[in-house]
Amino acid sequence: MRGMQATAQRVIGAGNGHVNVEVTAPLRSSPYEIVEALMSGERLPGGPHLVVVPAIGLVPVEPAFELLNLPYLIDSYSHADEVLKGPLGAELLARLEEKGLIGLAWWENGFQHLYSATTALHKPADFAGLTLRLMPDAGYAAGFQALGAKVVNAPFSEIAGLLERGEIDALDSYTSQFFHSKIYQPKGYLNLTGHSYSAMLLVMSRADWDSLDARTQELLRAELPRAAAQQRAVSRASELQAISVMTEEEVNVIPEADIARDALASKLKAEIRTSLSRHDDELVQLLTEIGYFESAAQ
C-alpha cells in the first residue's frame, strides 16, 4: 500500500495537475482475474487501470514469467535489480506486451526464506524427513523433495494450526509475512535461505495505454520506475526490521553466512531441467548469459 501511495504522489506531483492517480481498496477478485479482465479490454466493476501482480501470477498469461521463480536465480537484491533491468527483464516485458499488457515497473515481495518450528536448516541433509509447506506454484518443489522433504499444500490461513499440531515442520514465505502474521514462535528458527526471489510487476492493458496522450505516457514511463524503486527500498528495510524484532522475541535467526547456500543451490537447481525444457532457446540463452543455466545443468 505504501508503494501504491508513493506511486500516486509521484505521478500527481510530477504531472502538475495533468493526471490524477487514485489508490483503491483491493478487489475480492484474484490478481489473475483482474489481469484477464484488463487483457480483454473490459475491466472488472470498480477495477483498476493499473494493477500490481506477482510475477508468478503472470505465468498463465506468459509462461516465461515462471523463470523468475527458479531456485537461486537471484543471489542478492543488487543482483535482482541487475537482472530485472537487464536482457531477461526486457524480454519478459516484451513478451507480455504481445499478450496485450504493458509492464511499467518492477516491484518486489522480496526473498523467500524458511521458518522451521524445531530445528535449524543449515544444509541439504537437514531436510530429510521434513514436512514442508511451500508457497503455491513453487517451481522448486521437486528440488526440496529431492532433498528428502515431504512437500504439502495448504492455505496460509491454516499454517498456524498445522505447526501447532506438528503436522508440518517448516514453511517458506517472506520475512514480512512471517512477521505480520505472527506465524513464528519464540525458540523457532528463521532460516535465511533466500531460495527464491519474488518480483511483482505494475501492469496496464495495452488498450488503456494506447488511449493515453503522449505527455501522460511519458510521465508514467518516467515516474513509475522511480516510485517502484521507493517500494523496493521500503520492502528491503521492512525485512531488516522484521528480522530485528523477531530476534528480540527470541526467534533463532540463522543468517545466510551459516547456511550451506551453494550446496542447497546445487541440489535445487538440479531438479529444474524439466521446467527449463519447456521454454524456447532464446530464454535458455538469456539464463546462460547470467550464469544460471550452465550451473543448473552441471
Protein backbone atom coordinates (compact mmCIF):
# COMPACT_ATOMS: atom_id res chain seq x y z
CA MET A 1 0.00 0.00 0.00
CA ARG A 2 2.86 2.38 0.74
CA GLY A 3 4.23 1.64 -2.71
CA MET A 4 0.89 2.47 -4.29
CA GLN A 5 0.60 5.70 -2.35
CA ALA A 6 4.15 6.69 -3.33
CA THR A 7 3.27 5.98 -6.96
CA ALA A 8 0.20 8.18 -6.82
CA GLN A 9 2.06 11.02 -5.13
CA ARG A 10 4.97 10.95 -7.59
CA VAL A 11 2.78 10.90 -10.69
CA ILE A 12 0.39 13.57 -9.43
CA GLY A 13 3.24 15.82 -8.30
CA ALA A 14 5.29 15.44 -11.47
CA GLY A 15 2.23 15.91 -13.66
CA ASN A 16 1.36 19.23 -12.01
CA GLY A 17 -2.37 18.60 -12.34
CA HIS A 18 -2.19 16.89 -15.75
CA VAL A 19 -3.21 13.46 -14.44
CA ASN A 20 -4.72 12.05 -11.26
CA VAL A 21 -3.97 8.65 -9.72
CA GLU A 22 -6.36 7.15 -7.18
CA VAL A 23 -5.40 4.25 -4.92
CA THR A 24 -8.38 1.92 -4.49
CA ALA A 25 -9.20 -0.77 -1.98
CA PRO A 26 -8.24 -4.32 -3.00
CA LEU A 27 -10.83 -6.20 -5.05
CA ARG A 28 -12.07 -9.62 -3.99
CA SER A 29 -11.06 -10.99 -7.37
CA SER A 30 -7.76 -12.80 -7.75
CA PRO A 31 -4.85 -10.97 -9.43
CA TYR A 32 -5.19 -13.18 -12.48
CA GLU A 33 -8.92 -12.42 -12.81
CA ILE A 34 -8.10 -8.70 -12.77
CA VAL A 35 -5.34 -9.18 -15.34
CA GLU A 36 -7.59 -11.32 -17.52
CA ALA A 37 -10.18 -8.55 -17.48
CA LEU A 38 -7.54 -5.98 -18.43
CA MET A 39 -6.43 -8.14 -21.34
CA SER A 40 -9.99 -8.44 -22.58
CA GLY A 41 -10.30 -4.65 -22.61
CA GLU A 42 -13.14 -4.73 -20.08
CA ARG A 43 -12.09 -4.01 -16.51
CA LEU A 44 -14.00 -5.59 -13.65
CA PRO A 45 -16.57 -3.31 -11.95
CA GLY A 46 -14.52 -0.90 -9.86
CA GLY A 47 -11.37 -2.48 -11.26
CA PRO A 48 -8.13 -0.53 -11.66
CA HIS A 49 -6.36 0.73 -14.76
CA LEU A 50 -3.06 -0.21 -13.11
CA VAL A 51 -2.56 -3.35 -11.04
CA VAL A 52 0.42 -4.89 -9.22
CA VAL A 53 0.71 -8.61 -9.93
CA PRO A 54 3.20 -11.16 -8.53
CA ALA A 55 5.35 -12.37 -11.41
CA ILE A 56 4.27 -15.95 -10.75
CA GLY A 57 0.67 -14.78 -11.25
CA LEU A 58 1.52 -13.83 -14.83
CA VAL A 59 2.53 -17.38 -15.80
CA PRO A 60 -0.96 -18.16 -17.23
CA VAL A 61 -0.50 -15.12 -19.49
CA GLU A 62 3.15 -15.71 -20.40
CA PRO A 63 4.84 -18.95 -19.21
CA ALA A 64 8.28 -17.30 -19.33
CA PHE A 65 7.48 -15.50 -16.06
CA GLU A 66 7.92 -18.88 -14.39
CA LEU A 67 11.66 -18.38 -14.78
CA LEU A 68 11.79 -15.64 -12.15
CA ASN A 69 10.69 -18.23 -9.58
CA LEU A 70 13.62 -20.55 -10.30
CA PRO A 71 15.63 -21.53 -7.20
CA TYR A 72 18.63 -19.30 -6.65
CA LEU A 73 18.21 -17.43 -9.92
CA ILE A 74 18.70 -14.22 -7.91
CA ASP A 75 21.61 -14.01 -5.47
CA SER A 76 21.02 -10.64 -3.80
CA TYR A 77 18.91 -7.52 -4.01
CA SER A 78 21.52 -5.78 -6.12
CA HIS A 79 21.50 -8.81 -8.42
CA ALA A 80 17.70 -8.61 -8.61
CA ASP A 81 17.91 -5.00 -9.78
CA GLU A 82 20.51 -6.00 -12.38
CA VAL A 83 18.54 -8.97 -13.76
CA LEU A 84 15.19 -7.19 -13.95
CA LYS A 85 16.72 -4.17 -15.68
CA GLY A 86 18.77 -6.40 -17.98
CA PRO A 87 18.03 -8.51 -21.08
CA LEU A 88 15.93 -11.13 -19.22
CA GLY A 89 13.65 -8.48 -17.68
CA ALA A 90 13.36 -6.71 -21.03
CA GLU A 91 12.42 -9.93 -22.82
CA LEU A 92 9.72 -10.72 -20.28
CA LEU A 93 8.21 -7.25 -20.71
CA ALA A 94 8.30 -7.57 -24.49
CA ARG A 95 6.50 -10.91 -24.39
CA LEU A 96 3.88 -9.52 -22.03
CA GLU A 97 3.19 -6.66 -24.45
CA GLU A 98 2.48 -9.22 -27.17
CA LYS A 99 -0.32 -10.52 -24.92
CA GLY A 100 -1.97 -7.13 -24.57
CA LEU A 101 -0.38 -5.93 -21.34
CA ILE A 102 2.20 -3.22 -20.67
CA GLY A 103 4.66 -3.82 -17.84
CA LEU A 104 5.56 -0.43 -16.41
CA ALA A 105 7.62 -1.03 -13.25
CA TRP A 106 9.16 -3.89 -11.28
CA TRP A 107 8.12 -4.17 -7.64
CA GLU A 108 9.03 -6.96 -5.24
CA ASN A 109 7.86 -9.15 -2.39
CA GLY A 110 11.49 -9.97 -1.68
CA PHE A 111 13.25 -13.22 -0.93
CA GLN A 112 11.55 -16.32 0.39
CA HIS A 113 13.10 -17.95 3.43
CA LEU A 114 12.21 -20.93 5.60
CA TYR A 115 10.69 -20.86 9.08
CA SER A 116 11.05 -24.13 10.99
CA ALA A 117 9.50 -24.90 14.33
CA THR A 118 12.03 -27.19 15.96
CA THR A 119 15.37 -27.27 14.12
CA ALA A 120 17.74 -25.11 12.12
CA LEU A 121 18.04 -25.81 8.40
CA HIS A 122 21.70 -25.35 7.53
CA LYS A 123 22.43 -27.91 4.83
CA PRO A 124 20.76 -30.36 2.41
CA ALA A 125 20.81 -33.24 4.92
CA ASP A 126 18.63 -31.22 7.33
CA PHE A 127 15.64 -31.59 5.01
CA ALA A 128 15.45 -35.40 5.12
CA GLY A 129 12.10 -36.42 6.60
CA LEU A 130 10.93 -32.80 6.96
CA THR A 131 7.28 -31.97 6.24
CA LEU A 132 7.42 -28.69 4.37
CA ARG A 133 4.68 -26.35 3.21
CA LEU A 134 5.77 -24.31 0.19
CA MET A 135 4.30 -21.25 -1.47
CA PRO A 136 1.63 -22.08 -4.08
CA ASP A 137 3.04 -22.72 -7.57
CA ALA A 138 6.57 -23.06 -6.16
CA GLY A 139 8.69 -24.05 -9.13
CA TYR A 140 11.27 -25.54 -6.79
CA ALA A 141 9.05 -28.11 -5.02
CA ALA A 142 10.77 -31.01 -6.81
CA GLY A 143 14.11 -29.73 -5.51
CA PHE A 144 13.03 -29.94 -1.88
CA GLN A 145 11.50 -33.36 -2.50
CA ALA A 146 14.86 -34.47 -3.87
CA LEU A 147 16.39 -33.35 -0.57
CA GLY A 148 14.07 -35.81 1.20
CA ALA A 149 11.36 -33.41 2.34
CA LYS A 150 7.67 -34.18 2.11
CA VAL A 151 6.05 -31.18 0.41
CA VAL A 152 2.46 -30.32 1.29
CA ASN A 153 -0.01 -27.76 0.01
CA ALA A 154 -2.10 -25.79 2.49
CA PRO A 155 -3.68 -22.31 2.63
CA PHE A 156 -1.67 -19.82 4.67
CA SER A 157 -4.66 -19.37 6.98
CA GLU A 158 -4.21 -22.96 8.18
CA ILE A 159 -0.45 -22.77 8.81
CA ALA A 160 -0.58 -21.80 12.50
CA GLY A 161 -2.76 -24.78 13.35
CA LEU A 162 -0.65 -27.18 11.30
CA LEU A 163 2.51 -26.02 13.07
CA GLU A 164 0.88 -26.24 16.50
CA ARG A 165 -0.31 -29.80 15.83
CA GLY A 166 3.04 -30.81 14.38
CA GLU A 167 1.52 -31.65 11.01
CA ILE A 168 4.16 -29.56 9.27
CA ASP A 169 7.70 -28.84 10.39
CA ALA A 170 8.50 -25.82 8.26
CA LEU A 171 7.23 -23.45 5.59
CA ASP A 172 8.58 -20.87 3.19
CA SER A 173 7.41 -17.30 2.78
CA TYR A 174 8.64 -13.72 3.00
CA THR A 175 10.05 -12.43 6.26
CA SER A 176 7.41 -9.71 6.34
CA GLN A 177 4.65 -12.31 6.09
CA PHE A 178 6.14 -14.38 8.89
CA PHE A 179 6.32 -11.21 10.96
CA HIS A 180 2.94 -9.61 10.28
CA SER A 181 1.04 -12.90 10.52
CA LYS A 182 2.84 -13.72 13.81
CA ILE A 183 3.29 -17.24 12.48
CA TYR A 184 6.61 -17.60 14.29
CA GLN A 185 7.14 -18.63 17.91
CA PRO A 186 9.95 -17.98 20.42
CA LYS A 187 12.70 -20.59 20.05
CA GLY A 188 11.64 -21.30 16.45
CA TYR A 189 14.07 -20.86 13.56
CA LEU A 190 14.07 -18.27 10.78
CA ASN A 191 16.49 -19.73 8.23
CA LEU A 192 17.61 -17.04 5.78
CA THR A 193 17.92 -19.44 2.85
CA GLY A 194 16.85 -16.87 0.24
CA HIS A 195 16.00 -19.76 -2.06
CA SER A 196 13.64 -17.83 -4.31
CA TYR A 197 13.06 -14.18 -5.18
CA SER A 198 9.57 -12.86 -5.84
CA ALA A 199 9.24 -9.98 -8.27
CA MET A 200 5.99 -8.13 -8.84
CA LEU A 201 5.02 -6.08 -11.86
CA LEU A 202 2.87 -2.98 -12.28
CA VAL A 203 0.82 -3.59 -15.42
CA MET A 204 -1.75 -1.81 -17.58
CA SER A 205 -3.76 -3.07 -20.52
CA ARG A 206 -2.39 -2.18 -23.95
CA ALA A 207 -5.75 -0.66 -24.85
CA ASP A 208 -5.70 1.67 -21.82
CA TRP A 209 -2.08 2.60 -22.51
CA ASP A 210 -2.79 3.44 -26.14
CA SER A 211 -5.69 5.66 -25.07
CA LEU A 212 -3.33 7.94 -23.11
CA ASP A 213 -1.86 11.06 -24.68
CA ALA A 214 1.88 11.22 -25.28
CA ARG A 215 2.50 13.52 -22.32
CA THR A 216 0.82 11.12 -19.89
CA GLN A 217 2.71 8.13 -21.31
CA GLU A 218 6.00 9.98 -20.94
CA LEU A 219 5.10 10.98 -17.39
CA LEU A 220 4.26 7.39 -16.40
CA ARG A 221 7.38 5.98 -18.05
CA ALA A 222 9.49 8.41 -16.03
CA GLU A 223 7.78 8.32 -12.63
CA LEU A 224 6.53 4.75 -12.22
CA PRO A 225 10.04 3.20 -12.13
CA ARG A 226 11.11 5.85 -9.61
CA ALA A 227 8.15 5.03 -7.39
CA ALA A 228 8.93 1.33 -7.79
CA ALA A 229 12.47 1.97 -6.54
CA GLN A 230 10.90 3.52 -3.42
CA GLN A 231 8.70 0.44 -2.97
CA ARG A 232 11.68 -1.91 -3.21
CA ALA A 233 13.63 0.20 -0.71
CA VAL A 234 10.72 0.13 1.75
CA SER A 235 10.33 -3.63 1.28
CA ARG A 236 14.01 -4.25 1.99
CA ALA A 237 14.02 -2.01 5.05
CA SER A 238 10.89 -3.73 6.35
CA GLU A 239 12.60 -7.10 6.03
CA LEU A 240 15.53 -5.96 8.17
CA GLN A 241 13.15 -4.50 10.74
CA ALA A 242 11.15 -7.73 10.90
CA ILE A 243 14.30 -9.79 11.42
CA SER A 244 15.39 -7.45 14.21
CA VAL A 245 12.06 -7.69 16.03
CA MET A 246 11.88 -11.46 15.63
CA THR A 247 15.38 -11.74 17.08
CA GLU A 248 14.29 -9.66 20.08
CA GLU A 249 11.35 -12.04 20.51
CA GLU A 250 13.76 -14.98 20.80
CA VAL A 251 13.40 -16.45 17.36
CA ASN A 252 16.64 -18.12 16.33
CA VAL A 253 17.69 -16.31 13.15
CA ILE A 254 20.07 -18.44 11.07
CA PRO A 255 21.97 -15.98 8.87
CA GLU A 256 22.89 -16.62 5.26
CA ALA A 257 26.55 -16.98 6.27
CA ASP A 258 25.65 -20.06 8.38
CA ILE A 259 23.70 -21.80 5.60
CA ALA A 260 25.33 -24.06 3.03
CA ARG A 261 23.85 -21.95 0.27
CA ASP A 262 25.99 -23.37 -2.55
CA ALA A 263 25.10 -26.94 -1.62
CA LEU A 264 21.40 -26.13 -1.41
CA ALA A 265 21.51 -24.21 -4.69
CA SER A 266 23.21 -27.12 -6.45
CA LYS A 267 20.62 -29.63 -5.22
CA LEU A 268 17.63 -27.44 -6.02
CA LYS A 269 18.90 -26.38 -9.44
CA ALA A 270 19.50 -30.00 -10.44
CA GLU A 271 15.74 -30.54 -10.42
CA ILE A 272 14.75 -27.68 -12.71
CA ARG A 273 15.89 -29.11 -16.04
CA THR A 274 12.35 -30.23 -16.89
CA SER A 275 10.92 -26.75 -16.40
CA LEU A 276 13.73 -25.24 -18.46
CA SER A 277 13.00 -27.64 -21.30
CA ARG A 278 9.52 -26.14 -21.60
CA HIS A 279 11.00 -22.82 -22.71
CA ASP A 280 12.50 -21.77 -26.01
CA ASP A 281 16.17 -21.44 -26.85
CA GLU A 282 16.16 -17.65 -26.56
CA LEU A 283 15.15 -17.81 -22.91
CA VAL A 284 17.63 -20.57 -22.16
CA GLN A 285 20.34 -18.42 -23.75
CA LEU A 286 19.39 -15.46 -21.53
CA LEU A 287 19.68 -17.71 -18.48
CA THR A 288 23.05 -18.93 -19.72
CA GLU A 289 24.25 -15.35 -20.10
CA ILE A 290 23.53 -14.59 -16.45
CA GLY A 291 25.31 -17.80 -15.42
CA TYR A 292 22.26 -19.79 -14.34
CA PHE A 293 21.62 -22.46 -16.95
CA GLU A 294 25.22 -23.66 -17.05
CA SER A 295 25.37 -24.22 -13.30
CA ALA A 296 21.92 -25.80 -13.26
CA ALA A 297 22.93 -28.29 -15.94
CA GLN A 298 26.04 -29.50 -14.14
